[in-house]
Amino acid sequence: MSVLLKAPIWVWPLLAVLILLGVRSARPRTLSRAAVFVWPVIMITLSVNGVVSTYGANAAAWESWLCGFVAGIAIGGIFGPGAGAVRYNAQTRRFDVPGSWMPLVLMLMLFCTRFAIGVANARFPQIVGTPGFLATVGLALGTCSGAFAARSIAVMTAKRPSRRANGGTGASRT
């Protein structure tokens, strides 16, 4: 209990915002191309910052992060929105994305991992550099990042109707 009471005051509003944003992601919404990448960029940045601030250039930390990232892409591909669930509206140039609880789970996982790093640094600094803790942190942060990236990839690769289906020649524009 004292760990929760001694946490910096800004942690709790941040947690509330993450929960609010995660709950909002559970509803279907329409996203621009840029909006598809906002959360992955933010979450990958926080994830990388977590590794850098804890381990610097430690190769083992980055190897575990990279393994987690690859696993996260695989997990995100399995549990993320399938390309068939996302619709692209060529007229508005926006994506209709189904709601999902996965962003909330990922944000809370990232929050809890970063919180655990802070607690370990404050109360048990001797374990922070151990191989088991290092691997766990790297895998957890990398997995979150990879799953967010997979979600964006799934949205961006949503099947767009061909021009032929719309009466065109079938040639695609890039």
C-alpha atoms as a PDB file:
ATOM      1  CA  MET A   1       0.000   0.000   0.000  1.00  0.00           C
ATOM      2  CA  SER A   2       2.845   2.391   0.790  1.00  0.00           C
ATOM      3  CA  VAL A   3       4.125   1.967  -2.788  1.00  0.00           C
ATOM      4  CA  LEU A   4       0.851   3.364  -4.107  1.00  0.00           C
ATOM      5  CA  LEU A   5       0.860   6.221  -1.608  1.00  0.00           C
ATOM      6  CA  LYS A   6       4.448   7.196  -2.369  1.00  0.00           C
ATOM      7  CA  ALA A   7       3.995   7.257  -6.138  1.00  0.00           C
ATOM      8  CA  PRO A   8       4.347  10.673  -7.781  1.00  0.00           C
ATOM      9  CA  ILE A   9       1.028  12.521  -7.899  1.00  0.00           C
ATOM     10  CA  TRP A  10       1.078  12.797 -11.710  1.00  0.00           C
ATOM     11  CA  VAL A  11       0.888   8.994 -12.041  1.00  0.00           C
ATOM     12  CA  TRP A  12      -2.785   8.812 -11.091  1.00  0.00           C
ATOM     13  CA  PRO A  13      -4.136  11.401 -13.562  1.00  0.00           C
ATOM     14  CA  LEU A  14      -2.050   9.681 -16.236  1.00  0.00           C
ATOM     15  CA  LEU A  15      -3.632   6.335 -15.337  1.00  0.00           C
ATOM     16  CA  ALA A  16      -7.103   7.919 -15.474  1.00  0.00           C
ATOM     17  CA  VAL A  17      -6.413   9.358 -18.940  1.00  0.00           C
ATOM     18  CA  LEU A  18      -5.115   6.017 -20.203  1.00  0.00           C
ATOM     19  CA  ILE A  19      -8.212   4.243 -18.910  1.00  0.00           C
ATOM     20  CA  LEU A  20     -10.484   6.870 -20.491  1.00  0.00           C
ATOM     21  CA  LEU A  21      -8.710   6.583 -23.846  1.00  0.00           C
ATOM     22  CA  GLY A  22      -8.769   2.790 -23.657  1.00  0.00           C
ATOM     23  CA  VAL A  23     -12.499   2.754 -22.951  1.00  0.00           C
ATOM     24  CA  ARG A  24     -13.075   5.155 -25.854  1.00  0.00           C
ATOM     25  CA  SER A  25     -11.162   2.748 -28.108  1.00  0.00           C
ATOM     26  CA  ALA A  26     -13.714   0.072 -27.294  1.00  0.00           C
ATOM     27  CA  ARG A  27     -16.242   1.931 -29.437  1.00  0.00           C
ATOM     28  CA  PRO A  28     -16.236   1.903 -33.243  1.00  0.00           C
ATOM     29  CA  ARG A  29     -14.697   5.058 -34.651  1.00  0.00           C
ATOM     30  CA  THR A  30     -13.450   6.715 -37.821  1.00  0.00           C
ATOM     31  CA  LEU A  31      -9.747   7.522 -38.099  1.00  0.00           C
ATOM     32  CA  SER A  32      -7.631   9.513 -40.534  1.00  0.00           C
ATOM     33  CA  ARG A  33      -4.382   8.004 -41.812  1.00  0.00           C
ATOM     34  CA  ALA A  34      -2.407  10.150 -39.382  1.00  0.00           C
ATOM     35  CA  ALA A  35      -4.595   9.153 -36.430  1.00  0.00           C
ATOM     36  CA  VAL A  36      -3.930   5.483 -37.160  1.00  0.00           C
ATOM     37  CA  PHE A  37      -0.296   6.050 -36.154  1.00  0.00           C
ATOM     38  CA  VAL A  38      -0.665   8.417 -33.186  1.00  0.00           C
ATOM     39  CA  TRP A  39      -0.990   5.764 -30.450  1.00  0.00           C
ATOM     40  CA  PRO A  40       1.653   3.404 -31.806  1.00  0.00           C
ATOM     41  CA  VAL A  41       4.164   6.254 -32.062  1.00  0.00           C
ATOM     42  CA  ILE A  42       3.382   7.424 -28.518  1.00  0.00           C
ATOM     43  CA  MET A  43       3.466   3.910 -27.071  1.00  0.00           C
ATOM     44  CA  ILE A  44       6.641   2.879 -28.901  1.00  0.00           C
ATOM     45  CA  THR A  45       8.292   6.106 -27.721  1.00  0.00           C
ATOM     46  CA  LEU A  46       7.300   5.400 -24.107  1.00  0.00           C
ATOM     47  CA  SER A  47       8.437   1.810 -24.454  1.00  0.00           C
ATOM     48  CA  VAL A  48      11.823   2.723 -25.912  1.00  0.00           C
ATOM     49  CA  ASN A  49      12.206   5.427 -23.269  1.00  0.00           C
ATOM     50  CA  GLY A  50      11.558   2.807 -20.602  1.00  0.00           C
ATOM     51  CA  VAL A  51      14.413   0.655 -21.909  1.00  0.00           C
ATOM     52  CA  VAL A  52      16.777   3.605 -22.446  1.00  0.00           C
ATOM     53  CA  SER A  53      16.131   5.147 -19.036  1.00  0.00           C
ATOM     54  CA  THR A  54      16.551   1.815 -17.257  1.00  0.00           C
ATOM     55  CA  TYR A  55      19.256   0.033 -19.255  1.00  0.00           C
ATOM     56  CA  GLY A  56      20.789   2.476 -21.723  1.00  0.00           C
ATOM     57  CA  ALA A  57      22.579   0.648 -24.527  1.00  0.00           C
ATOM     58  CA  ASN A  58      22.548  -2.761 -22.822  1.00  0.00           C
ATOM     59  CA  ALA A  59      22.445  -5.263 -25.692  1.00  0.00           C
ATOM     60  CA  ALA A  60      20.506  -7.884 -23.729  1.00  0.00           C
ATOM     61  CA  ALA A  61      17.781  -5.352 -22.902  1.00  0.00           C
ATOM     62  CA  TRP A  62      17.410  -4.405 -26.568  1.00  0.00           C
ATOM     63  CA  GLU A  63      17.429  -8.044 -27.647  1.00  0.00           C
ATOM     64  CA  SER A  64      14.602  -8.856 -25.245  1.00  0.00           C
ATOM     65  CA  TRP A  65      12.725  -5.709 -26.381  1.00  0.00           C
ATOM     66  CA  LEU A  66      13.109  -6.747 -30.010  1.00  0.00           C
ATOM     67  CA  CYS A  67      11.904 -10.286 -29.236  1.00  0.00           C
ATOM     68  CA  GLY A  68       8.916  -8.771 -27.458  1.00  0.00           C
ATOM     69  CA  PHE A  69       8.261  -6.436 -30.396  1.00  0.00           C
ATOM     70  CA  VAL A  70       8.189  -9.363 -32.840  1.00  0.00           C
ATOM     71  CA  ALA A  71       5.951 -11.339 -30.471  1.00  0.00           C
ATOM     72  CA  GLY A  72       3.708  -8.287 -30.109  1.00  0.00           C
ATOM     73  CA  ILE A  73       3.306  -8.007 -33.866  1.00  0.00           C
ATOM     74  CA  ALA A  74       2.319 -11.687 -33.983  1.00  0.00           C
ATOM     75  CA  ILE A  75      -0.087 -11.292 -31.054  1.00  0.00           C
ATOM     76  CA  GLY A  76      -1.522  -8.107 -32.537  1.00  0.00           C
ATOM     77  CA  GLY A  77      -2.012  -9.909 -35.833  1.00  0.00           C
ATOM     78  CA  ILE A  78      -3.957 -12.641 -34.086  1.00  0.00           C
ATOM     79  CA  PHE A  79      -6.043 -10.527 -31.713  1.00  0.00           C
ATOM     80  CA  GLY A  80      -6.129  -7.229 -33.599  1.00  0.00           C
ATOM     81  CA  PRO A  81      -8.754  -6.118 -36.068  1.00  0.00           C
ATOM     82  CA  GLY A  82      -8.661  -8.257 -39.155  1.00  0.00           C
ATOM     83  CA  ALA A  83      -8.317  -6.385 -42.409  1.00  0.00           C
ATOM     84  CA  GLY A  84     -11.906  -7.415 -43.195  1.00  0.00           C
ATOM     85  CA  ALA A  85     -13.186  -5.713 -40.046  1.00  0.00           C
ATOM     86  CA  VAL A  86     -11.731  -2.349 -41.073  1.00  0.00           C
ATOM     87  CA  ARG A  87     -13.365  -0.374 -43.858  1.00  0.00           C
ATOM     88  CA  TYR A  88     -11.662   2.329 -45.871  1.00  0.00           C
ATOM     89  CA  ASN A  89     -13.819   5.154 -47.193  1.00  0.00           C
ATOM     90  CA  ALA A  90     -12.077   6.504 -50.296  1.00  0.00           C
ATOM     91  CA  GLN A  91     -14.290   9.594 -50.397  1.00  0.00           C
ATOM     92  CA  THR A  92     -13.383  10.764 -46.900  1.00  0.00           C
ATOM     93  CA  ARG A  93      -9.967   9.046 -46.887  1.00  0.00           C
ATOM     94  CA  ARG A  94     -10.726   7.645 -43.459  1.00  0.00           C
ATOM     95  CA  PHE A  95     -10.837   4.225 -41.877  1.00  0.00           C
ATOM     96  CA  ASP A  96     -13.875   2.867 -40.065  1.00  0.00           C
ATOM     97  CA  VAL A  97     -12.359   0.834 -37.239  1.00  0.00           C
ATOM     98  CA  PRO A  98     -14.315  -1.516 -34.970  1.00  0.00           C
ATOM     99  CA  GLY A  99     -14.050  -0.983 -31.249  1.00  0.00           C
ATOM    100  CA  SER A 100     -11.585  -3.064 -29.280  1.00  0.00           C
ATOM    101  CA  TRP A 101     -10.516  -3.481 -25.672  1.00  0.00           C
ATOM    102  CA  MET A 102      -6.988  -4.387 -26.786  1.00  0.00           C
ATOM    103  CA  PRO A 103      -5.685  -0.784 -26.684  1.00  0.00           C
ATOM    104  CA  LEU A 104      -6.817  -0.508 -23.044  1.00  0.00           C
ATOM    105  CA  VAL A 105      -5.089  -3.784 -22.168  1.00  0.00           C
ATOM    106  CA  LEU A 106      -1.894  -2.677 -23.907  1.00  0.00           C
ATOM    107  CA  MET A 107      -1.888   0.774 -22.310  1.00  0.00           C
ATOM    108  CA  LEU A 108      -2.423  -0.717 -18.852  1.00  0.00           C
ATOM    109  CA  MET A 109       0.305  -3.290 -19.489  1.00  0.00           C
ATOM    110  CA  LEU A 110       2.720  -0.544 -20.491  1.00  0.00           C
ATOM    111  CA  PHE A 111       1.696   1.598 -17.505  1.00  0.00           C
ATOM    112  CA  CYS A 112       2.098  -1.291 -15.050  1.00  0.00           C
ATOM    113  CA  THR A 113       5.478  -2.257 -16.493  1.00  0.00           C
ATOM    114  CA  ARG A 114       6.782   1.302 -16.244  1.00  0.00           C
ATOM    115  CA  PHE A 115       5.328   1.570 -12.714  1.00  0.00           C
ATOM    116  CA  ALA A 116       7.040  -1.701 -11.732  1.00  0.00           C
ATOM    117  CA  ILE A 117      10.348  -0.388 -13.077  1.00  0.00           C
ATOM    118  CA  GLY A 118       9.952   2.725 -10.921  1.00  0.00           C
ATOM    119  CA  VAL A 119       9.098   0.704  -7.830  1.00  0.00           C
ATOM    120  CA  ALA A 120      12.005  -1.674  -8.416  1.00  0.00           C
ATOM    121  CA  ASN A 121      14.433   1.209  -8.884  1.00  0.00           C
ATOM    122  CA  ALA A 122      13.225   2.825  -5.657  1.00  0.00           C
ATOM    123  CA  ARG A 123      12.835  -0.207  -3.405  1.00  0.00           C
ATOM    124  CA  PHE A 124      14.863  -3.049  -4.898  1.00  0.00           C
ATOM    125  CA  PRO A 125      17.606  -1.523  -7.066  1.00  0.00           C
ATOM    126  CA  GLN A 126      19.683  -4.702  -6.801  1.00  0.00           C
ATOM    127  CA  ILE A 127      17.202  -6.652  -8.967  1.00  0.00           C
ATOM    128  CA  VAL A 128      16.923  -4.106 -11.773  1.00  0.00           C
ATOM    129  CA  GLY A 129      20.121  -5.274 -13.448  1.00  0.00           C
ATOM    130  CA  THR A 130      19.480  -8.987 -13.074  1.00  0.00           C
ATOM    131  CA  PRO A 131      19.011 -10.957 -16.294  1.00  0.00           C
ATOM    132  CA  GLY A 132      15.497 -12.082 -15.339  1.00  0.00           C
ATOM    133  CA  PHE A 133      14.224  -8.583 -14.588  1.00  0.00           C
ATOM    134  CA  LEU A 134      15.934  -7.164 -17.655  1.00  0.00           C
ATOM    135  CA  ALA A 135      14.403  -9.811 -19.909  1.00  0.00           C
ATOM    136  CA  THR A 136      10.950  -9.383 -18.375  1.00  0.00           C
ATOM    137  CA  VAL A 137      11.000  -5.606 -18.791  1.00  0.00           C
ATOM    138  CA  GLY A 138      12.307  -5.805 -22.358  1.00  0.00           C
ATOM    139  CA  LEU A 139       9.767  -8.430 -23.383  1.00  0.00           C
ATOM    140  CA  ALA A 140       6.830  -6.623 -21.766  1.00  0.00           C
ATOM    141  CA  LEU A 141       7.669  -3.226 -23.262  1.00  0.00           C
ATOM    142  CA  GLY A 142       8.496  -4.694 -26.664  1.00  0.00           C
ATOM    143  CA  THR A 143       5.294  -6.742 -26.735  1.00  0.00           C
ATOM    144  CA  CYS A 144       3.174  -3.652 -26.091  1.00  0.00           C
ATOM    145  CA  SER A 145       4.958  -1.758 -28.847  1.00  0.00           C
ATOM    146  CA  GLY A 146       4.662  -4.591 -31.340  1.00  0.00           C
ATOM    147  CA  ALA A 147       0.966  -5.102 -30.659  1.00  0.00           C
ATOM    148  CA  PHE A 148       0.258  -1.387 -31.177  1.00  0.00           C
ATOM    149  CA  ALA A 149       2.276  -1.461 -34.407  1.00  0.00           C
ATOM    150  CA  ALA A 150       0.379  -4.552 -35.598  1.00  0.00           C
ATOM    151  CA  ARG A 151      -2.926  -2.785 -35.010  1.00  0.00           C
ATOM    152  CA  SER A 152      -1.866   0.135 -37.207  1.00  0.00           C
ATOM    153  CA  ILE A 153      -0.561  -2.206 -39.884  1.00  0.00           C
ATOM    154  CA  ALA A 154      -3.887  -4.079 -39.890  1.00  0.00           C
ATOM    155  CA  VAL A 155      -5.815  -0.831 -40.282  1.00  0.00           C
ATOM    156  CA  MET A 156      -3.556   0.520 -43.034  1.00  0.00           C
ATOM    157  CA  THR A 157      -3.726  -2.715 -44.999  1.00  0.00           C
ATOM    158  CA  ALA A 158      -7.517  -2.769 -44.929  1.00  0.00           C
ATOM    159  CA  LYS A 159      -8.756  -3.858 -48.287  1.00  0.00           C
ATOM    160  CA  ARG A 160      -9.543  -0.826 -50.340  1.00  0.00           C
ATOM    161  CA  PRO A 161     -12.143  -1.186 -53.076  1.00  0.00           C
ATOM    162  CA  SER A 162     -10.535  -1.329 -56.510  1.00  0.00           C
ATOM    163  CA  ARG A 163     -11.298   1.332 -59.071  1.00  0.00           C
ATOM    164  CA  ARG A 164     -12.792  -1.407 -61.260  1.00  0.00           C
ATOM    165  CA  ALA A 165     -15.404  -2.059 -58.556  1.00  0.00           C
ATOM    166  CA  ASN A 166     -16.231   1.656 -58.693  1.00  0.00           C
ATOM    167  CA  GLY A 167     -16.477   1.754 -62.486  1.00  0.00           C
ATOM    168  CA  GLY A 168     -12.840   2.681 -63.088  1.00  0.00           C
ATOM    169  CA  THR A 169     -10.119   0.966 -65.068  1.00  0.00           C
ATOM    170  CA  GLY A 170      -8.775  -1.057 -62.195  1.00  0.00           C
ATOM    171  CA  ALA A 171      -5.506   0.880 -62.126  1.00  0.00           C
ATOM    172  CA  SER A 172      -4.465   1.775 -58.632  1.00  0.00           C
ATOM    173  CA  ARG A 173      -3.189   5.103 -57.407  1.00  0.00           C
ATOM    174  CA  THR A 174      -0.405   5.388 -54.888  1.00  0.00           C
END
